[in-house]
Amino acid sequence: MAVYAKTRKRLLIDLLHENGICISYDRVLEVSALLGESVVNQYVESDASQKCLDINNYDKSMCSMYFQRYKNCRKYWHGIMVQRRRDGVRPDMPTAAEREEMLTALGGKPY
């Protein structure tokens, strides 16, 4: 991932993969996309925390519920990711559509 982040060169990633040094270029793109989706999902909860702080003049005691929600969000999706990895399901992190479907089936956010 570091080589990809630095160079963005498919040829280099393919060469390294052929020599058993790194994962395939397609897997690099998949992991990169999953990380991006995960960050966006956590950003929603993080953004709510930040807005609360702004409204309450940065009094953290007034925003503990938002901080807890953010922690629970991260913990929940990390648990899903770990379980999928154990079960051999790819991608590790469910796609945005799968996450929406999971949340709907649960009747909303479990965090």
C-alpha atoms as a PDB file:
ATOM      1  CA  MET A   1       0.000   0.000   0.000  1.00  0.00           C
ATOM      2  CA  ALA A   2       2.846   2.388   0.768  1.00  0.00           C
ATOM      3  CA  VAL A   3       4.389   1.862  -2.668  1.00  0.00           C
ATOM      4  CA  TYR A   4       1.014   2.450  -4.313  1.00  0.00           C
ATOM      5  CA  ALA A   5       0.362   5.559  -2.222  1.00  0.00           C
ATOM      6  CA  LYS A   6       3.762   6.945  -3.151  1.00  0.00           C
ATOM      7  CA  THR A   7       3.902   6.052  -6.865  1.00  0.00           C
ATOM      8  CA  ARG A   8       0.410   5.088  -8.117  1.00  0.00           C
ATOM      9  CA  LYS A   9       2.211   2.897 -10.686  1.00  0.00           C
ATOM     10  CA  ARG A  10       0.397  -0.274 -11.715  1.00  0.00           C
ATOM     11  CA  LEU A  11       3.455  -1.640 -13.486  1.00  0.00           C
ATOM     12  CA  LEU A  12       5.529  -1.410 -10.306  1.00  0.00           C
ATOM     13  CA  ILE A  13       2.818  -3.046  -8.156  1.00  0.00           C
ATOM     14  CA  ASP A  14       2.402  -5.848 -10.731  1.00  0.00           C
ATOM     15  CA  LEU A  15       6.155  -6.437 -10.782  1.00  0.00           C
ATOM     16  CA  LEU A  16       6.325  -6.578  -6.984  1.00  0.00           C
ATOM     17  CA  HIS A  17       3.317  -8.922  -6.910  1.00  0.00           C
ATOM     18  CA  GLU A  18       4.892 -11.267  -9.477  1.00  0.00           C
ATOM     19  CA  ASN A  19       7.908 -11.527  -7.180  1.00  0.00           C
ATOM     20  CA  GLY A  20       5.749 -12.229  -4.122  1.00  0.00           C
ATOM     21  CA  ILE A  21       6.585  -8.946  -2.408  1.00  0.00           C
ATOM     22  CA  CYS A  22       3.130  -7.385  -2.288  1.00  0.00           C
ATOM     23  CA  ILE A  23      -0.539  -7.966  -3.044  1.00  0.00           C
ATOM     24  CA  SER A  24      -1.951  -7.619  -6.548  1.00  0.00           C
ATOM     25  CA  TYR A  25      -2.832  -4.252  -8.036  1.00  0.00           C
ATOM     26  CA  ASP A  26      -6.535  -5.162  -8.078  1.00  0.00           C
ATOM     27  CA  ARG A  27      -6.392  -6.042  -4.373  1.00  0.00           C
ATOM     28  CA  VAL A  28      -4.579  -2.755  -3.661  1.00  0.00           C
ATOM     29  CA  LEU A  29      -7.425  -0.863  -5.346  1.00  0.00           C
ATOM     30  CA  GLU A  30     -10.011  -2.913  -3.444  1.00  0.00           C
ATOM     31  CA  VAL A  31      -8.349  -2.251  -0.087  1.00  0.00           C
ATOM     32  CA  SER A  32      -7.959   1.428  -0.935  1.00  0.00           C
ATOM     33  CA  ALA A  33     -11.664   1.713  -1.753  1.00  0.00           C
ATOM     34  CA  LEU A  34     -12.653  -0.109   1.429  1.00  0.00           C
ATOM     35  CA  LEU A  35     -10.511   2.175   3.533  1.00  0.00           C
ATOM     36  CA  GLY A  36     -12.121   5.174   1.882  1.00  0.00           C
ATOM     37  CA  GLU A  37     -15.640   3.874   2.553  1.00  0.00           C
ATOM     38  CA  SER A  38     -14.748   3.117   6.152  1.00  0.00           C
ATOM     39  CA  VAL A  39     -13.390   6.611   6.667  1.00  0.00           C
ATOM     40  CA  VAL A  40     -16.559   8.156   5.204  1.00  0.00           C
ATOM     41  CA  ASN A  41     -18.744   6.066   7.507  1.00  0.00           C
ATOM     42  CA  GLN A  42     -16.723   7.087  10.551  1.00  0.00           C
ATOM     43  CA  TYR A  43     -16.655  10.692   9.361  1.00  0.00           C
ATOM     44  CA  VAL A  44     -20.438  10.921   9.706  1.00  0.00           C
ATOM     45  CA  GLU A  45     -20.213  10.037  13.395  1.00  0.00           C
ATOM     46  CA  SER A  46     -17.078  12.127  13.846  1.00  0.00           C
ATOM     47  CA  ASP A  47     -18.725  15.109  12.151  1.00  0.00           C
ATOM     48  CA  ALA A  48     -21.630  14.926  14.585  1.00  0.00           C
ATOM     49  CA  SER A  49     -19.134  15.007  17.466  1.00  0.00           C
ATOM     50  CA  GLN A  50     -17.393  18.035  15.993  1.00  0.00           C
ATOM     51  CA  LYS A  51     -20.664  19.894  15.449  1.00  0.00           C
ATOM     52  CA  CYS A  52     -21.641  19.212  19.050  1.00  0.00           C
ATOM     53  CA  LEU A  53     -18.346  20.629  20.255  1.00  0.00           C
ATOM     54  CA  ASP A  54     -18.836  23.718  18.088  1.00  0.00           C
ATOM     55  CA  ILE A  55     -22.338  24.292  19.432  1.00  0.00           C
ATOM     56  CA  ASN A  56     -21.342  23.731  23.070  1.00  0.00           C
ATOM     57  CA  ASN A  57     -18.227  25.905  23.043  1.00  0.00           C
ATOM     58  CA  TYR A  58     -15.930  22.857  23.115  1.00  0.00           C
ATOM     59  CA  ASP A  59     -17.310  21.561  26.417  1.00  0.00           C
ATOM     60  CA  LYS A  60     -16.597  17.836  25.970  1.00  0.00           C
ATOM     61  CA  SER A  61     -18.910  16.846  28.806  1.00  0.00           C
ATOM     62  CA  MET A  62     -21.855  18.064  26.729  1.00  0.00           C
ATOM     63  CA  CYS A  63     -20.947  15.777  23.815  1.00  0.00           C
ATOM     64  CA  SER A  64     -20.147  12.477  25.483  1.00  0.00           C
ATOM     65  CA  MET A  65     -23.085  10.775  23.746  1.00  0.00           C
ATOM     66  CA  TYR A  66     -21.660  11.711  20.337  1.00  0.00           C
ATOM     67  CA  PHE A  67     -18.169  10.505  21.279  1.00  0.00           C
ATOM     68  CA  GLN A  68     -19.607   7.218  22.490  1.00  0.00           C
ATOM     69  CA  ARG A  69     -21.582   6.810  19.270  1.00  0.00           C
ATOM     70  CA  TYR A  70     -18.414   7.342  17.230  1.00  0.00           C
ATOM     71  CA  LYS A  71     -16.508   4.767  19.311  1.00  0.00           C
ATOM     72  CA  ASN A  72     -19.378   2.294  19.003  1.00  0.00           C
ATOM     73  CA  CYS A  73     -19.532   2.853  15.230  1.00  0.00           C
ATOM     74  CA  ARG A  74     -15.833   2.099  14.833  1.00  0.00           C
ATOM     75  CA  LYS A  75     -16.057  -0.922  17.125  1.00  0.00           C
ATOM     76  CA  TYR A  76     -19.125  -2.331  15.349  1.00  0.00           C
ATOM     77  CA  TRP A  77     -17.750  -2.088  11.804  1.00  0.00           C
ATOM     78  CA  HIS A  78     -14.316  -3.295  12.886  1.00  0.00           C
ATOM     79  CA  GLY A  79     -15.971  -6.380  14.397  1.00  0.00           C
ATOM     80  CA  ILE A  80     -17.853  -7.013  11.149  1.00  0.00           C
ATOM     81  CA  MET A  81     -14.631  -6.631   9.184  1.00  0.00           C
ATOM     82  CA  VAL A  82     -12.707  -9.036  11.437  1.00  0.00           C
ATOM     83  CA  GLN A  83     -15.491 -11.637  11.276  1.00  0.00           C
ATOM     84  CA  ARG A  84     -15.674 -11.438   7.474  1.00  0.00           C
ATOM     85  CA  ARG A  85     -11.895 -11.831   7.283  1.00  0.00           C
ATOM     86  CA  ARG A  86     -12.086 -14.930   9.520  1.00  0.00           C
ATOM     87  CA  ASP A  87     -14.878 -16.345   7.359  1.00  0.00           C
ATOM     88  CA  GLY A  88     -12.857 -15.717   4.192  1.00  0.00           C
ATOM     89  CA  VAL A  89     -15.399 -13.221   2.841  1.00  0.00           C
ATOM     90  CA  ARG A  90     -14.039 -10.612   0.448  1.00  0.00           C
ATOM     91  CA  PRO A  91     -14.010  -7.700   0.661  1.00  0.00           C
ATOM     92  CA  ASP A  92     -13.317  -7.499   4.398  1.00  0.00           C
ATOM     93  CA  MET A  93     -15.475  -4.408   4.800  1.00  0.00           C
ATOM     94  CA  PRO A  94     -18.989  -4.695   3.357  1.00  0.00           C
ATOM     95  CA  THR A  95     -19.707  -2.411   0.426  1.00  0.00           C
ATOM     96  CA  ALA A  96     -21.835   0.680   1.011  1.00  0.00           C
ATOM     97  CA  ALA A  97     -24.880  -1.132  -0.386  1.00  0.00           C
ATOM     98  CA  GLU A  98     -24.266  -4.157   1.858  1.00  0.00           C
ATOM     99  CA  ARG A  99     -23.843  -1.928   4.908  1.00  0.00           C
ATOM    100  CA  GLU A 100     -27.095  -0.131   4.137  1.00  0.00           C
ATOM    101  CA  GLU A 101     -28.847  -3.485   3.745  1.00  0.00           C
ATOM    102  CA  MET A 102     -27.386  -4.728   7.043  1.00  0.00           C
ATOM    103  CA  LEU A 103     -28.491  -1.606   8.886  1.00  0.00           C
ATOM    104  CA  THR A 104     -31.989  -1.822   7.395  1.00  0.00           C
ATOM    105  CA  ALA A 105     -32.273  -5.467   8.459  1.00  0.00           C
ATOM    106  CA  LEU A 106     -31.255  -4.446  11.997  1.00  0.00           C
ATOM    107  CA  GLY A 107     -33.849  -1.666  12.013  1.00  0.00           C
ATOM    108  CA  GLY A 108     -31.258   1.119  12.146  1.00  0.00           C
ATOM    109  CA  LYS A 109     -27.811   1.718  13.517  1.00  0.00           C
ATOM    110  CA  PRO A 110     -26.897  -0.655  16.336  1.00  0.00           C
ATOM    111  CA  TYR A 111     -24.554   1.944  17.807  1.00  0.00           C
END
